[in-house]
Structures are given as C-alpha cells and as structure tokens.
Amino acid sequence: MPEPALHGAIVHELWVAARYANEVSSRALRAAGVDPDEYGFLSIVGTLQPVTRTALAGATGLRRTTLRDAVRPLIERGHVVESPHPHDRRATLLTLTPAGQEVFDRG
C-alpha cells in the first residue's frame, strides 16, 4: 500500500500506471516470442519505414548516438536493414527485413 502522502499524487499514479502497462505488454510480447526491450524500436521502424536515423531520433526523443546503440542489435539479428538514401548521400534508410516484419506483426 502506498504511503498516504503519495496516494493520489499525479506523478506517483503515472509511475504506477507505467509500471503496470510495461509489465502487461512485456508479458504479452514474451508470450509471442518477442523481446520486449527491442520491440519498441522495431515497432517505430516498422511504422515509419523507410525511416532515416534523424527521423527516428526525432520520433523517439533520443540522441543519435543512443539510437545507434539501440538499432545495432536489430541490424545484427537481421530484423532491420540499412540502405543508402536515394536522394541524400549523407543519410541512410532503415527498413524491416522479412524476419523483422514477422516479429513486428507478432508484437
């Protein structure tokens, strides 16, 4: 039971709700054979694809260096592929592979 001073505090209630939502969604993703920690980025790529790293950083609110570390395992597992941008030599596009699309759909 939460402390009486915390019960009803909006920040506390949001924290409790976020923990509950995370637990419920993680349980459902694990049951579907999906890694909950990686699904967030996979789902954003799947929704926005093809997407540049800059657009992905804007959608997640993460810095590009942090994003690089989050996307690397998806590329290494063969769930995301990076290809040259057709109109911007400095940019690349991230898209789901067929295996990544399967995980995205299961999630």
Protein backbone atom coordinates (compact mmCIF):
# COMPACT_ATOMS: atom_id res chain seq x y z
CA MET A 1 0.00 0.00 0.00
CA PRO A 2 1.49 3.38 -0.98
CA GLU A 3 2.21 5.99 1.61
CA PRO A 4 -0.88 8.18 2.22
CA ALA A 5 1.06 11.29 1.11
CA LEU A 6 1.84 9.63 -2.25
CA HIS A 7 -1.57 8.17 -2.96
CA GLY A 8 -3.33 10.46 -5.39
CA ALA A 9 -0.19 12.34 -6.42
CA ILE A 10 -0.30 12.52 -10.21
CA VAL A 11 3.38 11.68 -10.66
CA HIS A 12 3.03 8.63 -8.43
CA GLU A 13 -0.14 7.48 -10.20
CA LEU A 14 1.53 7.86 -13.60
CA TRP A 15 4.53 5.88 -12.38
CA VAL A 16 2.28 3.07 -11.13
CA ALA A 17 0.31 3.05 -14.39
CA ALA A 18 3.51 2.98 -16.47
CA ARG A 19 4.90 0.07 -14.47
CA TYR A 20 1.65 -1.85 -14.84
CA ALA A 21 1.44 -1.15 -18.59
CA ASN A 22 5.07 -2.20 -19.03
CA GLU A 23 4.51 -5.46 -17.18
CA VAL A 24 1.34 -6.33 -19.11
CA SER A 25 2.86 -5.50 -22.52
CA SER A 26 6.16 -7.26 -21.71
CA ARG A 27 4.31 -10.40 -20.69
CA ALA A 28 2.28 -10.38 -23.91
CA LEU A 29 5.35 -9.76 -26.08
CA ARG A 30 7.33 -12.55 -24.39
CA ALA A 31 4.39 -14.91 -24.93
CA ALA A 32 4.54 -14.03 -28.64
CA GLY A 33 8.28 -14.75 -28.70
CA VAL A 34 9.27 -11.09 -28.97
CA ASP A 35 11.98 -9.38 -26.90
CA PRO A 36 10.16 -6.54 -25.10
CA ASP A 37 13.31 -4.42 -24.80
CA GLU A 38 13.86 -4.36 -28.56
CA TYR A 39 10.26 -4.24 -29.73
CA GLY A 40 9.86 -0.51 -29.13
CA PHE A 41 12.49 0.43 -31.69
CA LEU A 42 11.45 -2.33 -34.06
CA SER A 43 7.85 -1.11 -33.97
CA ILE A 44 8.85 2.50 -34.65
CA VAL A 45 10.97 1.45 -37.63
CA GLY A 46 8.10 -0.75 -38.83
CA THR A 47 5.59 2.07 -38.53
CA LEU A 48 7.74 4.79 -40.13
CA GLN A 49 9.69 2.74 -42.67
CA PRO A 50 11.62 3.65 -44.61
CA VAL A 51 12.97 5.99 -41.96
CA THR A 52 16.22 7.89 -41.56
CA ARG A 53 18.11 7.79 -38.28
CA THR A 54 17.41 11.51 -37.88
CA ALA A 55 13.66 10.98 -38.21
CA LEU A 56 13.86 8.00 -35.85
CA ALA A 57 15.72 10.12 -33.30
CA GLY A 58 13.03 12.78 -33.59
CA ALA A 59 10.24 10.23 -33.14
CA THR A 60 11.83 8.70 -30.03
CA GLY A 61 13.36 11.81 -28.49
CA LEU A 62 16.72 10.06 -28.27
CA ARG A 63 20.12 11.35 -29.34
CA ARG A 64 21.53 9.75 -32.47
CA THR A 65 24.36 8.09 -30.54
CA THR A 66 21.91 6.44 -28.14
CA LEU A 67 19.74 5.45 -31.07
CA ARG A 68 22.72 3.90 -32.84
CA ASP A 69 23.29 1.59 -29.88
CA ALA A 70 19.60 0.62 -29.82
CA VAL A 71 19.36 -0.10 -33.56
CA ARG A 72 22.62 -2.03 -33.89
CA PRO A 73 21.27 -5.26 -32.33
CA LEU A 74 18.25 -5.14 -34.64
CA ILE A 75 20.55 -4.94 -37.65
CA GLU A 76 22.83 -7.69 -36.28
CA ARG A 77 19.84 -10.02 -35.73
CA GLY A 78 18.68 -9.43 -39.29
CA HIS A 79 15.46 -7.65 -38.30
CA VAL A 80 16.40 -4.25 -39.76
CA VAL A 81 18.42 -3.40 -42.84
CA GLU A 82 20.16 -0.10 -43.56
CA SER A 83 20.38 1.09 -47.14
CA PRO A 84 21.59 4.25 -48.88
CA HIS A 85 19.10 7.10 -49.15
CA PRO A 86 18.29 7.60 -52.85
CA HIS A 87 18.38 11.42 -52.66
CA ASP A 88 20.77 12.22 -49.79
CA ARG A 89 24.25 10.69 -49.84
CA ARG A 90 24.76 11.51 -46.16
CA ALA A 91 21.65 9.65 -44.97
CA THR A 92 20.62 6.03 -44.85
CA LEU A 93 17.20 4.43 -44.61
CA LEU A 94 16.14 1.81 -42.08
CA THR A 95 13.54 -0.78 -43.05
CA LEU A 96 12.38 -4.09 -41.64
CA THR A 97 13.57 -7.31 -43.20
CA PRO A 98 11.03 -10.10 -43.73
CA ALA A 99 12.16 -11.57 -40.38
CA GLY A 100 11.77 -8.18 -38.72
CA GLN A 101 8.33 -7.75 -40.27
CA GLU A 102 7.32 -11.12 -38.83
CA VAL A 103 8.42 -10.04 -35.33
CA PHE A 104 6.67 -6.70 -35.80
CA ASP A 105 3.44 -8.43 -36.80
CA ARG A 106 3.63 -10.89 -33.86
CA GLY A 107 4.13 -8.00 -31.45
